[in-house]
Amino acid sequence: MNNKMISTVLFLFGFIETYLIMSFYIPSLKILLIAPPLEYFLKSISSSWLFKIIISSLIGLSLNGIYILIKKRKVKIYPKTLLLVIVICLLLIVIGAIYSSLRAKYF
């Protein structure tokens, strides 16, 4: 894998993970809505979207910066292991978001 692809994947996964964490794990950004799970999930993602996009972009860019700094210091990085850890974290966050949506109260 080349550096551009790893950098792009780091940004995308960092962005998605941060966005989902802000939508479902930070109490002040959670929504209080009595609705079916799918509607709760969609409303959670779409509330405060501009703020979440800005913060998620900054964190994704900082992940790229950290990766570039580590690469410049010529530290041995195992890209497949790094991507595996990121994918596992993303899966855990997505499972938590789905669980949170299913636990939403509805009529």
Protein backbone atom coordinates (compact mmCIF):
# COMPACT_ATOMS: atom_id res chain seq x y z
CA MET A 1 0.00 0.00 0.00
CA ASN A 2 1.27 3.42 -0.82
CA ASN A 3 1.34 6.44 1.48
CA LYS A 4 -1.50 8.31 -0.26
CA MET A 5 -3.88 5.41 0.11
CA ILE A 6 -3.02 4.92 3.79
CA SER A 7 -3.39 8.64 4.39
CA THR A 8 -6.79 8.71 2.68
CA VAL A 9 -8.03 5.68 4.58
CA LEU A 10 -6.81 7.18 7.88
CA PHE A 11 -8.68 10.40 7.16
CA LEU A 12 -11.91 8.64 6.15
CA PHE A 13 -11.96 6.22 9.07
CA GLY A 14 -10.97 8.98 11.51
CA PHE A 15 -13.73 11.20 10.15
CA ILE A 16 -16.41 8.50 10.29
CA GLU A 17 -15.40 7.27 13.74
CA THR A 18 -15.33 10.77 15.20
CA TYR A 19 -18.69 11.64 13.66
CA LEU A 20 -20.32 8.52 15.07
CA ILE A 21 -18.74 9.00 18.48
CA MET A 22 -20.07 12.54 18.64
CA SER A 23 -23.51 11.40 17.48
CA PHE A 24 -24.00 8.48 19.86
CA TYR A 25 -21.49 8.59 22.72
CA ILE A 26 -21.24 12.23 23.84
CA PRO A 27 -24.23 12.93 26.10
CA SER A 28 -24.56 16.62 25.24
CA LEU A 29 -24.79 15.82 21.50
CA LYS A 30 -27.24 12.94 21.86
CA ILE A 31 -30.80 13.67 20.88
CA LEU A 32 -33.88 12.94 22.94
CA LEU A 33 -36.40 11.57 20.50
CA ILE A 34 -39.18 9.06 20.80
CA ALA A 35 -39.11 7.37 17.41
CA PRO A 36 -38.46 4.04 15.66
CA PRO A 37 -34.79 2.96 15.52
CA LEU A 38 -34.13 3.96 11.91
CA GLU A 39 -35.58 7.43 12.38
CA TYR A 40 -33.61 7.85 15.63
CA PHE A 41 -30.40 6.81 13.83
CA LEU A 42 -30.97 9.24 10.95
CA LYS A 43 -31.91 12.14 13.24
CA SER A 44 -28.87 11.49 15.45
CA ILE A 45 -26.58 11.65 12.46
CA SER A 46 -28.20 14.75 10.98
CA SER A 47 -28.42 16.86 14.14
CA SER A 48 -25.64 19.46 14.59
CA TRP A 49 -24.10 18.19 11.34
CA LEU A 50 -21.96 21.27 10.60
CA PHE A 51 -20.27 21.22 14.02
CA LYS A 52 -19.69 17.46 13.76
CA ILE A 53 -18.23 17.77 10.24
CA ILE A 54 -15.79 20.48 11.31
CA ILE A 55 -14.57 18.58 14.38
CA SER A 56 -14.39 15.26 12.50
CA SER A 57 -12.38 16.87 9.68
CA LEU A 58 -9.91 18.36 12.15
CA ILE A 59 -9.40 15.02 13.85
CA GLY A 60 -9.03 13.22 10.50
CA LEU A 61 -6.42 15.76 9.39
CA SER A 62 -4.58 15.44 12.71
CA LEU A 63 -4.44 11.66 12.22
CA ASN A 64 -2.83 12.27 8.83
CA GLY A 65 -0.37 14.70 10.42
CA ILE A 66 0.61 12.15 13.05
CA TYR A 67 1.06 9.49 10.37
CA ILE A 68 3.26 11.82 8.29
CA LEU A 69 5.39 12.75 11.33
CA ILE A 70 5.91 9.08 12.19
CA LYS A 71 6.76 8.31 8.57
CA LYS A 72 9.31 11.16 8.42
CA ARG A 73 11.08 9.84 11.51
CA LYS A 74 11.45 6.55 9.64
CA VAL A 75 9.73 4.52 12.32
CA LYS A 76 8.72 1.10 11.09
CA ILE A 77 4.96 1.11 10.53
CA TYR A 78 2.97 -1.95 9.62
CA PRO A 79 0.16 -0.53 7.46
CA LYS A 80 -1.96 -3.67 7.45
CA THR A 81 -1.90 -3.85 11.24
CA LEU A 82 -2.69 -0.15 11.51
CA LEU A 83 -5.66 -0.47 9.17
CA LEU A 84 -6.86 -3.60 10.97
CA VAL A 85 -6.91 -1.74 14.29
CA ILE A 86 -8.78 1.18 12.71
CA VAL A 87 -11.35 -1.12 11.09
CA ILE A 88 -11.92 -2.95 14.39
CA CYS A 89 -12.46 0.39 16.15
CA LEU A 90 -14.89 1.46 13.43
CA LEU A 91 -16.84 -1.78 13.78
CA LEU A 92 -17.11 -1.37 17.55
CA ILE A 93 -18.36 2.20 17.14
CA VAL A 94 -20.89 1.23 14.47
CA ILE A 95 -22.17 -1.63 16.64
CA GLY A 96 -22.53 0.81 19.53
CA ALA A 97 -24.42 3.26 17.33
CA ILE A 98 -26.80 0.54 16.15
CA TYR A 99 -27.31 -0.64 19.74
CA SER A 100 -28.02 2.93 20.82
CA SER A 101 -30.55 3.33 18.01
CA LEU A 102 -32.30 0.09 18.93
CA ARG A 103 -32.50 1.16 22.57
CA ALA A 104 -34.26 4.41 21.62
CA LYS A 105 -37.73 4.65 23.03
CA TYR A 106 -40.55 4.42 20.55
CA PHE A 107 -44.29 3.93 20.66
